[in-house]
Protein backbone atom coordinates (compact mmCIF):
# COMPACT_ATOMS: atom_id res chain seq x y z
CA MET A 1 -64.42 -32.32 -66.19
CA ALA A 2 -66.02 -31.61 -62.82
CA GLN A 3 -69.74 -32.09 -62.42
CA VAL A 4 -71.74 -29.42 -60.61
CA VAL A 5 -74.20 -30.83 -58.12
CA GLU A 6 -76.85 -28.69 -56.46
CA VAL A 7 -77.75 -29.70 -52.93
CA VAL A 8 -81.45 -29.29 -52.32
CA SER A 9 -82.61 -28.79 -48.76
CA ARG A 10 -85.48 -30.87 -47.42
CA GLU A 11 -87.53 -27.69 -46.95
CA ARG A 12 -87.06 -26.70 -50.59
CA LEU A 13 -87.68 -30.25 -51.78
CA ASP A 14 -91.08 -30.26 -50.01
CA LYS A 15 -92.05 -27.19 -52.06
CA LEU A 16 -91.33 -28.88 -55.40
CA LEU A 17 -94.06 -30.63 -57.33
CA THR A 18 -93.91 -33.11 -60.18
CA ILE A 19 -95.72 -32.29 -63.43
CA LYS A 20 -98.62 -34.49 -62.27
CA ARG A 21 -98.89 -32.79 -58.86
CA ALA A 22 -98.53 -29.35 -60.48
CA ALA A 23 -101.42 -30.21 -62.81
CA GLU A 24 -103.56 -31.23 -59.85
CA TYR A 25 -102.56 -28.07 -57.96
CA LEU A 26 -103.66 -25.84 -60.87
CA GLY A 27 -106.62 -27.96 -61.94
CA MET A 28 -105.12 -28.69 -65.37
CA SER A 29 -103.97 -31.75 -67.26
CA ASP A 30 -100.38 -33.01 -67.30
CA ARG A 31 -100.28 -32.20 -71.00
CA GLN A 32 -101.29 -28.56 -70.41
CA ILE A 33 -98.54 -28.14 -67.80
CA ARG A 34 -95.91 -29.66 -70.11
CA ARG A 35 -97.01 -27.29 -72.88
CA LEU A 36 -96.78 -24.25 -70.59
CA VAL A 37 -93.27 -25.36 -69.59
CA GLN A 38 -92.30 -25.74 -73.27
CA LEU A 39 -93.65 -22.26 -74.00
CA GLY A 40 -91.66 -20.82 -71.09
CA ARG A 41 -94.76 -19.65 -69.23
CA ILE A 42 -93.91 -21.92 -66.28
CA LYS A 43 -90.31 -22.52 -65.21
CA ALA A 44 -89.40 -26.10 -64.40
CA SER A 45 -86.20 -27.94 -63.49
CA LYS A 46 -85.09 -31.48 -63.97
CA LEU A 47 -84.19 -33.27 -60.74
CA ASP A 48 -82.52 -36.52 -61.80
CA TRP A 49 -85.02 -37.80 -64.36
CA VAL A 50 -88.12 -36.01 -63.00
CA TRP A 51 -89.32 -32.54 -63.98
CA VAL A 52 -90.29 -30.45 -60.95
CA ILE A 53 -91.90 -27.05 -60.47
CA SER A 54 -91.88 -24.95 -57.31
CA ARG A 55 -95.14 -23.97 -55.63
CA THR A 56 -93.91 -20.38 -55.77
CA GLU A 57 -93.65 -20.62 -59.57
CA LEU A 58 -97.13 -22.13 -59.82
CA ASP A 59 -98.57 -19.39 -57.60
CA ARG A 60 -96.83 -16.77 -59.78
CA PHE A 61 -98.29 -18.33 -62.91
CA ARG A 62 -101.78 -18.55 -61.40
CA LYS A 63 -101.67 -14.89 -60.35
CA GLU A 64 -100.33 -13.78 -63.74
CA ASP A 65 -102.81 -15.96 -65.62
CA THR A 66 -105.85 -14.66 -63.71
CA SER A 67 -104.75 -11.03 -64.06
CA THR A 68 -104.53 -11.35 -67.86
CA ASN A 69 -107.96 -12.99 -68.23
């Protein structure tokens, strides 16, 4: 069976953050970010063995989160 491989451009890669960096970016703990990913409130992808989240997704979440509070 063929394996599908997504090629990620350097520009796009620079916009991806690990769970730890995403937590720092939003001023939350790693655990809070993981929970939000599990709940589907933040979309994340696995790149090899590391979970990553785009800055665009984090900005979307921040905007949505502040508008509901």
